[in-house]
């Protein structure tokens, strides 16, 4: 299980501050990821990190290359999650690079803009099968009273 506090080694956050993180959940033959954060953008950034950690070792990633993201308006929050993860899968498949981090801003009514930080898959230690598609069932992306925002997705491998 992977978790990220997003504090960069600083002192622990105050009790009322929402933390961010992610983890991989057990699932038969697929990858199930869960991410959370104080804002929708930070939650989605954690989902990208979880996706990367599902198939490459990110502990010793060297220099990354920034790749711009500009996604049109989604119909709903789950659509925004799917659009982002689909874009990450496109980058893996077409460019052979793994988005290991994202820096995002939500714009308008569900659009996303920002960057992926990528590394060539050939230069990363692969620890699992490369993800192939986002399953449309079992998606969730909603405000959580305890954790700010939370999303869950199943990824086909």
N, C-alpha and C. Protein backbone atom coordinates (compact mmCIF):
# COMPACT_ATOMS: atom_id res chain seq x y z
N UNK A 1 0.84 -1.17 0.00
CA UNK A 1 0.00 0.00 0.00
C UNK A 1 0.89 1.23 0.00
N UNK A 2 0.56 2.18 -0.83
CA UNK A 2 1.31 3.42 -0.90
C UNK A 2 0.47 4.54 -0.31
N UNK A 3 1.10 5.38 0.47
CA UNK A 3 0.41 6.56 0.97
C UNK A 3 1.36 7.72 0.91
N UNK A 4 0.83 8.87 0.60
CA UNK A 4 1.63 10.08 0.51
C UNK A 4 0.97 11.16 1.33
N UNK A 5 1.69 11.76 2.22
CA UNK A 5 1.12 12.81 3.06
C UNK A 5 1.18 14.16 2.38
N UNK A 6 2.03 14.31 1.39
CA UNK A 6 2.12 15.56 0.66
C UNK A 6 2.67 16.71 1.49
N UNK A 7 3.39 16.41 2.58
CA UNK A 7 3.90 17.47 3.44
C UNK A 7 5.36 17.79 3.19
N UNK A 8 6.02 17.01 2.33
CA UNK A 8 7.41 17.29 2.00
C UNK A 8 8.34 17.25 3.19
N UNK A 9 8.06 16.41 4.19
CA UNK A 9 8.92 16.28 5.34
C UNK A 9 8.69 17.32 6.41
N UNK A 10 7.72 18.19 6.25
CA UNK A 10 7.43 19.20 7.26
C UNK A 10 6.76 18.55 8.47
N UNK A 11 6.58 19.35 9.52
CA UNK A 11 5.90 18.86 10.71
C UNK A 11 4.51 18.36 10.35
N UNK A 12 3.97 17.45 11.15
CA UNK A 12 2.64 16.89 10.91
C UNK A 12 1.61 18.00 10.82
N UNK A 13 0.64 17.79 9.95
CA UNK A 13 -0.41 18.79 9.73
C UNK A 13 -1.29 18.90 10.96
N UNK A 14 -1.88 20.06 11.11
CA UNK A 14 -2.83 20.26 12.21
C UNK A 14 -4.00 19.31 12.05
N UNK A 15 -4.66 18.97 13.14
CA UNK A 15 -5.73 17.98 13.13
C UNK A 15 -6.85 18.35 12.16
N UNK A 16 -7.11 19.63 11.97
CA UNK A 16 -8.21 20.02 11.09
C UNK A 16 -7.78 20.15 9.62
N UNK A 17 -6.51 19.97 9.31
CA UNK A 17 -6.04 20.06 7.93
C UNK A 17 -6.22 18.72 7.23
N UNK A 18 -6.81 18.78 6.06
CA UNK A 18 -7.02 17.56 5.29
C UNK A 18 -5.70 17.14 4.65
N UNK A 19 -5.37 15.88 4.76
CA UNK A 19 -4.15 15.34 4.16
C UNK A 19 -4.46 14.77 2.80
N UNK A 20 -3.44 14.49 2.05
CA UNK A 20 -3.61 13.87 0.75
C UNK A 20 -2.83 12.57 0.71
N UNK A 21 -3.29 11.65 -0.13
CA UNK A 21 -2.61 10.38 -0.25
C UNK A 21 -3.32 9.46 -1.23
N UNK A 22 -2.82 8.24 -1.31
CA UNK A 22 -3.40 7.25 -2.20
C UNK A 22 -2.98 5.87 -1.76
N UNK A 23 -3.69 4.88 -2.27
CA UNK A 23 -3.32 3.49 -2.02
C UNK A 23 -3.91 2.61 -3.11
N UNK A 24 -3.31 1.45 -3.25
CA UNK A 24 -3.81 0.44 -4.17
C UNK A 24 -4.59 -0.57 -3.35
N UNK A 25 -5.76 -0.93 -3.85
CA UNK A 25 -6.65 -1.85 -3.13
C UNK A 25 -6.63 -3.21 -3.83
N UNK A 26 -6.82 -4.28 -3.06
CA UNK A 26 -6.87 -5.61 -3.69
C UNK A 26 -8.06 -5.70 -4.65
N UNK A 27 -7.82 -6.33 -5.79
CA UNK A 27 -8.88 -6.54 -6.78
C UNK A 27 -8.46 -7.68 -7.69
N UNK A 28 -9.38 -8.55 -8.01
CA UNK A 28 -9.09 -9.70 -8.84
C UNK A 28 -8.69 -9.27 -10.24
N UNK A 29 -7.47 -9.57 -10.63
CA UNK A 29 -6.94 -9.42 -11.99
C UNK A 29 -6.82 -7.98 -12.49
N UNK A 30 -7.26 -7.00 -11.75
CA UNK A 30 -7.17 -5.61 -12.18
C UNK A 30 -6.49 -4.80 -11.08
N UNK A 31 -6.40 -3.51 -11.29
CA UNK A 31 -5.86 -2.59 -10.29
C UNK A 31 -7.01 -1.73 -9.79
N UNK A 32 -7.13 -1.59 -8.51
CA UNK A 32 -8.14 -0.68 -7.94
C UNK A 32 -7.36 0.35 -7.14
N UNK A 33 -7.56 1.61 -7.48
CA UNK A 33 -6.84 2.66 -6.77
C UNK A 33 -7.82 3.57 -6.04
N UNK A 34 -7.34 4.12 -4.95
CA UNK A 34 -8.11 5.07 -4.15
C UNK A 34 -7.19 6.25 -3.86
N UNK A 35 -7.72 7.45 -3.98
CA UNK A 35 -6.93 8.66 -3.72
C UNK A 35 -7.78 9.67 -2.97
N UNK A 36 -7.11 10.55 -2.22
CA UNK A 36 -7.84 11.57 -1.47
C UNK A 36 -6.98 12.82 -1.36
N UNK A 37 -7.66 13.94 -1.16
CA UNK A 37 -6.96 15.22 -1.01
C UNK A 37 -7.92 16.32 -0.62
N UNK A 38 -7.39 17.46 -0.21
CA UNK A 38 -8.23 18.56 0.26
C UNK A 38 -9.02 19.25 -0.86
N UNK A 39 -8.59 19.09 -2.11
CA UNK A 39 -9.30 19.70 -3.23
C UNK A 39 -9.47 18.65 -4.33
N UNK A 40 -10.39 18.89 -5.27
CA UNK A 40 -10.51 17.95 -6.39
C UNK A 40 -9.20 17.78 -7.15
N UNK A 41 -8.48 18.87 -7.41
CA UNK A 41 -7.22 18.78 -8.16
C UNK A 41 -6.19 17.93 -7.42
N UNK A 42 -6.06 18.13 -6.13
CA UNK A 42 -5.07 17.36 -5.35
C UNK A 42 -5.46 15.88 -5.27
N UNK A 43 -6.74 15.60 -5.18
CA UNK A 43 -7.21 14.22 -5.20
C UNK A 43 -6.84 13.55 -6.52
N UNK A 44 -7.07 14.25 -7.63
CA UNK A 44 -6.73 13.72 -8.95
C UNK A 44 -5.22 13.55 -9.12
N UNK A 45 -4.43 14.46 -8.58
CA UNK A 45 -2.97 14.32 -8.63
C UNK A 45 -2.55 13.02 -7.94
N UNK A 46 -3.18 12.72 -6.82
CA UNK A 46 -2.87 11.48 -6.09
C UNK A 46 -3.30 10.25 -6.89
N UNK A 47 -4.39 10.35 -7.64
CA UNK A 47 -4.83 9.22 -8.47
C UNK A 47 -3.79 8.90 -9.54
N UNK A 48 -3.18 9.93 -10.13
CA UNK A 48 -2.12 9.73 -11.12
C UNK A 48 -0.92 9.05 -10.47
N UNK A 49 -0.55 9.49 -9.28
CA UNK A 49 0.58 8.87 -8.56
C UNK A 49 0.29 7.40 -8.27
N UNK A 50 -0.94 7.09 -7.87
CA UNK A 50 -1.31 5.70 -7.59
C UNK A 50 -1.23 4.86 -8.86
N UNK A 51 -1.70 5.41 -9.97
CA UNK A 51 -1.63 4.69 -11.24
C UNK A 51 -0.19 4.33 -11.58
N UNK A 52 0.72 5.29 -11.44
CA UNK A 52 2.13 5.03 -11.73
C UNK A 52 2.69 3.95 -10.81
N UNK A 53 2.39 4.05 -9.53
CA UNK A 53 2.92 3.09 -8.56
C UNK A 53 2.36 1.69 -8.74
N UNK A 54 1.32 1.56 -9.54
CA UNK A 54 0.75 0.24 -9.79
C UNK A 54 1.62 -0.59 -10.72
N UNK A 55 2.51 0.06 -11.49
CA UNK A 55 3.30 -0.72 -12.45
C UNK A 55 4.77 -0.33 -12.55
N UNK A 56 5.19 0.81 -11.98
CA UNK A 56 6.62 1.15 -11.97
C UNK A 56 7.06 1.54 -10.57
N UNK A 57 8.32 1.25 -10.26
CA UNK A 57 8.90 1.65 -8.98
C UNK A 57 9.27 3.13 -9.08
N UNK A 58 8.61 3.95 -8.29
CA UNK A 58 8.84 5.40 -8.35
C UNK A 58 9.80 5.88 -7.27
N UNK A 59 10.38 4.96 -6.51
CA UNK A 59 11.23 5.36 -5.39
C UNK A 59 12.55 5.99 -5.83
N UNK A 60 13.05 5.64 -7.00
CA UNK A 60 14.34 6.18 -7.47
C UNK A 60 14.22 6.83 -8.83
N UNK A 61 13.13 7.51 -9.07
CA UNK A 61 12.93 8.19 -10.35
C UNK A 61 13.90 9.37 -10.43
N UNK A 62 14.57 9.46 -11.54
CA UNK A 62 15.49 10.58 -11.75
C UNK A 62 14.75 11.78 -12.31
N UNK A 63 15.36 12.40 -13.28
CA UNK A 63 14.79 13.59 -13.91
C UNK A 63 13.52 13.24 -14.68
N UNK A 64 12.53 14.11 -14.58
CA UNK A 64 11.27 13.91 -15.29
C UNK A 64 11.13 14.94 -16.40
N UNK A 65 10.27 14.64 -17.33
CA UNK A 65 9.93 15.56 -18.42
C UNK A 65 8.48 15.98 -18.24
N UNK A 66 8.21 17.27 -18.33
CA UNK A 66 6.85 17.79 -18.19
C UNK A 66 6.10 17.66 -19.51
N UNK A 67 4.87 17.21 -19.41
CA UNK A 67 4.00 17.08 -20.56
C UNK A 67 2.70 17.80 -20.25
N UNK A 68 2.30 18.79 -21.06
CA UNK A 68 1.09 19.56 -20.74
C UNK A 68 -0.18 18.73 -20.85
N UNK A 69 -1.15 19.08 -20.01
CA UNK A 69 -2.47 18.46 -20.00
C UNK A 69 -3.48 19.58 -20.17
N UNK A 70 -4.43 19.38 -21.06
CA UNK A 70 -5.53 20.32 -21.22
C UNK A 70 -6.75 19.50 -21.61
N UNK A 71 -7.57 19.19 -20.64
CA UNK A 71 -8.73 18.33 -20.87
C UNK A 71 -10.01 19.16 -20.85
N UNK A 72 -10.86 18.90 -21.81
CA UNK A 72 -12.13 19.63 -21.93
C UNK A 72 -13.06 19.30 -20.76
N UNK A 73 -14.11 20.02 -20.69
CA UNK A 73 -15.11 19.87 -19.65
C UNK A 73 -15.66 18.44 -19.61
N UNK A 74 -15.79 17.91 -18.40
CA UNK A 74 -16.39 16.60 -18.20
C UNK A 74 -17.85 16.77 -17.78
N UNK A 75 -18.66 15.78 -18.06
CA UNK A 75 -20.08 15.82 -17.69
C UNK A 75 -20.29 15.81 -16.18
N UNK A 76 -19.41 15.11 -15.47
CA UNK A 76 -19.52 15.00 -14.02
C UNK A 76 -18.15 14.71 -13.44
N UNK A 77 -18.06 14.60 -12.12
CA UNK A 77 -16.76 14.37 -11.47
C UNK A 77 -16.13 13.06 -11.92
N UNK A 78 -16.96 12.01 -12.01
CA UNK A 78 -16.42 10.72 -12.44
C UNK A 78 -15.87 10.82 -13.85
N UNK A 79 -16.53 11.60 -14.70
CA UNK A 79 -16.03 11.82 -16.06
C UNK A 79 -14.69 12.52 -16.07
N UNK A 80 -14.49 13.43 -15.12
CA UNK A 80 -13.21 14.13 -14.99
C UNK A 80 -12.11 13.12 -14.60
N UNK A 81 -12.42 12.24 -13.67
CA UNK A 81 -11.48 11.21 -13.24
C UNK A 81 -11.11 10.30 -14.41
N UNK A 82 -12.12 9.84 -15.14
CA UNK A 82 -11.89 8.96 -16.29
C UNK A 82 -11.05 9.68 -17.34
N UNK A 83 -11.38 10.92 -17.66
CA UNK A 83 -10.64 11.67 -18.67
C UNK A 83 -9.16 11.79 -18.30
N UNK A 84 -8.88 12.08 -17.04
CA UNK A 84 -7.49 12.22 -16.61
C UNK A 84 -6.75 10.88 -16.68
N UNK A 85 -7.36 9.83 -16.16
CA UNK A 85 -6.70 8.52 -16.19
C UNK A 85 -6.55 8.02 -17.62
N UNK A 86 -7.56 8.26 -18.47
CA UNK A 86 -7.43 7.90 -19.89
C UNK A 86 -6.27 8.63 -20.55
N UNK A 87 -6.10 9.91 -20.21
CA UNK A 87 -4.99 10.68 -20.76
C UNK A 87 -3.65 10.09 -20.29
N UNK A 88 -3.57 9.70 -19.03
CA UNK A 88 -2.35 9.07 -18.52
C UNK A 88 -2.07 7.75 -19.25
N UNK A 89 -3.11 6.96 -19.49
CA UNK A 89 -2.95 5.69 -20.22
C UNK A 89 -2.52 5.93 -21.66
N UNK A 90 -3.04 6.99 -22.28
CA UNK A 90 -2.63 7.37 -23.63
C UNK A 90 -1.14 7.69 -23.66
N UNK A 91 -0.67 8.45 -22.68
CA UNK A 91 0.75 8.83 -22.60
C UNK A 91 1.62 7.58 -22.45
N UNK A 92 1.17 6.63 -21.64
CA UNK A 92 1.92 5.38 -21.46
C UNK A 92 1.99 4.62 -22.78
N UNK A 93 0.84 4.46 -23.42
CA UNK A 93 0.73 3.64 -24.63
C UNK A 93 1.42 4.28 -25.84
N UNK A 94 1.19 5.55 -26.07
CA UNK A 94 1.67 6.20 -27.28
C UNK A 94 3.12 6.69 -27.16
N UNK A 95 3.46 7.28 -26.02
CA UNK A 95 4.79 7.86 -25.86
C UNK A 95 5.77 6.96 -25.10
N UNK A 96 5.27 5.88 -24.50
CA UNK A 96 6.15 4.99 -23.75
C UNK A 96 6.71 5.63 -22.50
N UNK A 97 5.99 6.61 -21.97
CA UNK A 97 6.42 7.27 -20.74
C UNK A 97 5.37 7.10 -19.67
N UNK A 98 5.81 7.03 -18.44
CA UNK A 98 4.90 6.86 -17.30
C UNK A 98 4.70 8.20 -16.60
N UNK A 99 3.46 8.68 -16.52
CA UNK A 99 3.20 9.87 -15.72
C UNK A 99 3.32 9.50 -14.24
N UNK A 100 4.38 9.97 -13.59
CA UNK A 100 4.63 9.61 -12.19
C UNK A 100 4.08 10.65 -11.22
N UNK A 101 3.71 11.81 -11.76
CA UNK A 101 3.13 12.88 -10.93
C UNK A 101 2.32 13.79 -11.85
N UNK A 102 1.44 14.56 -11.24
CA UNK A 102 0.66 15.54 -11.99
C UNK A 102 0.54 16.81 -11.17
N UNK A 103 0.45 17.92 -11.87
CA UNK A 103 0.20 19.22 -11.26
C UNK A 103 -1.01 19.77 -11.99
N UNK A 104 -2.13 19.86 -11.29
CA UNK A 104 -3.40 20.13 -11.96
C UNK A 104 -4.14 21.32 -11.38
N UNK A 105 -4.96 21.92 -12.24
CA UNK A 105 -5.93 22.94 -11.85
C UNK A 105 -7.24 22.58 -12.52
N UNK A 106 -8.33 22.69 -11.77
CA UNK A 106 -9.65 22.50 -12.34
C UNK A 106 -10.07 23.84 -12.91
N UNK A 107 -10.56 23.84 -14.14
CA UNK A 107 -10.99 25.10 -14.75
C UNK A 107 -12.42 24.96 -15.24
N UNK A 108 -13.13 26.05 -15.20
CA UNK A 108 -14.50 26.05 -15.70
C UNK A 108 -15.37 25.01 -15.03
N UNK A 109 -16.19 24.38 -15.80
CA UNK A 109 -17.11 23.37 -15.30
C UNK A 109 -16.59 21.95 -15.54
N UNK A 110 -15.45 21.63 -14.95
CA UNK A 110 -14.95 20.27 -15.04
C UNK A 110 -13.79 20.05 -15.98
N UNK A 111 -13.21 21.10 -16.52
CA UNK A 111 -12.01 20.94 -17.34
C UNK A 111 -10.77 20.87 -16.45
N UNK A 112 -9.71 20.32 -16.98
CA UNK A 112 -8.45 20.21 -16.24
C UNK A 112 -7.32 20.77 -17.09
N UNK A 113 -6.41 21.43 -16.44
CA UNK A 113 -5.20 21.90 -17.10
C UNK A 113 -4.03 21.66 -16.15
N UNK A 114 -2.85 21.49 -16.71
CA UNK A 114 -1.67 21.27 -15.88
C UNK A 114 -0.62 20.49 -16.62
N UNK A 115 0.15 19.70 -15.88
CA UNK A 115 1.22 18.91 -16.48
C UNK A 115 1.30 17.54 -15.83
N UNK A 116 1.77 16.58 -16.61
CA UNK A 116 2.23 15.30 -16.10
C UNK A 116 3.75 15.40 -16.00
N UNK A 117 4.33 14.85 -14.96
CA UNK A 117 5.77 14.65 -14.88
C UNK A 117 5.99 13.20 -15.31
N UNK A 118 6.75 13.00 -16.38
CA UNK A 118 6.88 11.66 -16.95
C UNK A 118 8.32 11.16 -16.96
N UNK A 119 8.45 9.85 -16.99
CA UNK A 119 9.75 9.19 -17.19
C UNK A 119 9.54 8.08 -18.21
N UNK A 120 10.55 7.82 -19.04
CA UNK A 120 10.42 6.71 -19.99
C UNK A 120 10.21 5.39 -19.23
N UNK A 121 9.23 4.62 -19.66
CA UNK A 121 8.97 3.33 -19.02
C UNK A 121 10.22 2.46 -19.12
N UNK A 122 10.96 2.57 -20.21
CA UNK A 122 12.17 1.76 -20.40
C UNK A 122 13.26 2.08 -19.37
N UNK A 123 13.20 3.26 -18.76
CA UNK A 123 14.21 3.65 -17.77
C UNK A 123 13.73 3.42 -16.34
N UNK A 124 12.48 3.03 -16.17
CA UNK A 124 11.93 2.76 -14.84
C UNK A 124 11.93 1.26 -14.60
N UNK A 125 11.97 0.88 -13.33
CA UNK A 125 11.87 -0.53 -12.98
C UNK A 125 10.39 -0.90 -12.98
N UNK A 126 10.02 -1.76 -13.92
CA UNK A 126 8.62 -2.16 -14.02
C UNK A 126 8.33 -3.23 -12.96
N UNK A 127 7.28 -3.00 -12.16
CA UNK A 127 6.94 -3.92 -11.06
C UNK A 127 5.59 -4.60 -11.28
N UNK A 128 4.93 -4.27 -12.36
CA UNK A 128 3.63 -4.86 -12.66
C UNK A 128 3.29 -4.64 -14.12
N UNK A 129 2.15 -5.18 -14.51
CA UNK A 129 1.69 -5.02 -15.88
C UNK A 129 1.26 -3.58 -16.12
N UNK A 130 1.55 -3.09 -17.32
CA UNK A 130 1.14 -1.73 -17.66
C UNK A 130 -0.38 -1.65 -17.71
N UNK A 131 -0.95 -0.61 -17.16
CA UNK A 131 -2.41 -0.45 -17.19
C UNK A 131 -2.88 -0.20 -18.62
N UNK A 132 -4.12 -0.66 -18.92
CA UNK A 132 -4.64 -0.58 -20.29
C UNK A 132 -5.88 0.29 -20.44
N UNK A 133 -6.80 0.25 -19.46
CA UNK A 133 -8.06 0.98 -19.62
C UNK A 133 -8.70 1.24 -18.26
N UNK A 134 -9.53 2.26 -18.21
CA UNK A 134 -10.29 2.58 -17.00
C UNK A 134 -11.64 1.89 -17.11
N UNK A 135 -11.97 1.08 -16.13
CA UNK A 135 -13.30 0.44 -16.10
C UNK A 135 -14.35 1.50 -15.76
N UNK A 136 -15.46 1.46 -16.44
CA UNK A 136 -16.50 2.47 -16.23
C UNK A 136 -17.39 2.14 -15.03
N UNK A 137 -17.32 0.93 -14.53
CA UNK A 137 -18.13 0.57 -13.36
C UNK A 137 -17.32 0.76 -12.09
N UNK A 138 -17.99 1.07 -11.01
CA UNK A 138 -17.34 1.20 -9.71
C UNK A 138 -16.57 2.48 -9.51
N UNK A 139 -16.75 3.46 -10.38
CA UNK A 139 -16.07 4.74 -10.24
C UNK A 139 -16.75 5.58 -9.17
N UNK A 140 -15.95 6.34 -8.46
CA UNK A 140 -16.52 7.35 -7.57
C UNK A 140 -15.53 8.50 -7.43
N UNK A 141 -16.07 9.68 -7.30
CA UNK A 141 -15.27 10.88 -7.07
C UNK A 141 -16.20 11.87 -6.39
N UNK A 142 -16.03 12.03 -5.10
CA UNK A 142 -16.98 12.84 -4.34
C UNK A 142 -16.31 13.49 -3.14
N UNK A 143 -16.98 14.46 -2.60
CA UNK A 143 -16.53 15.12 -1.37
C UNK A 143 -16.73 14.16 -0.22
N UNK A 144 -15.71 14.04 0.62
CA UNK A 144 -15.76 13.18 1.80
C UNK A 144 -15.64 14.07 3.02
N UNK A 145 -16.57 13.97 3.97
CA UNK A 145 -16.54 14.87 5.13
C UNK A 145 -15.25 14.79 5.95
N UNK A 146 -14.59 13.65 5.94
CA UNK A 146 -13.36 13.49 6.73
C UNK A 146 -12.10 13.78 5.93
N UNK A 147 -12.10 13.46 4.65
CA UNK A 147 -10.87 13.53 3.86
C UNK A 147 -10.91 14.53 2.72
N UNK A 148 -11.83 15.46 2.72
CA UNK A 148 -11.90 16.42 1.62
C UNK A 148 -12.53 15.80 0.40
N UNK A 149 -11.73 15.32 -0.54
CA UNK A 149 -12.21 14.68 -1.75
C UNK A 149 -11.62 13.29 -1.85
N UNK A 150 -12.37 12.35 -2.38
CA UNK A 150 -11.94 10.96 -2.49
C UNK A 150 -12.40 10.41 -3.83
N UNK A 151 -11.50 9.67 -4.50
CA UNK A 151 -11.88 9.00 -5.75
C UNK A 151 -11.41 7.56 -5.73
N UNK A 152 -12.15 6.72 -6.45
CA UNK A 152 -11.84 5.30 -6.56
C UNK A 152 -12.06 4.90 -8.01
N UNK A 153 -11.14 4.11 -8.56
CA UNK A 153 -11.27 3.64 -9.94
C UNK A 153 -10.64 2.26 -10.07
N UNK A 154 -11.17 1.49 -10.99
CA UNK A 154 -10.60 0.18 -11.34
C UNK A 154 -9.94 0.32 -12.70
N UNK A 155 -8.72 -0.18 -12.79
CA UNK A 155 -7.93 -0.08 -14.01
C UNK A 155 -7.68 -1.49 -14.55
N UNK A 156 -8.03 -1.71 -15.81
CA UNK A 156 -7.77 -2.99 -16.46
C UNK A 156 -6.30 -3.08 -16.82
N UNK A 157 -5.72 -4.27 -16.61
CA UNK A 157 -4.31 -4.48 -16.99
C UNK A 157 -4.21 -5.54 -18.06
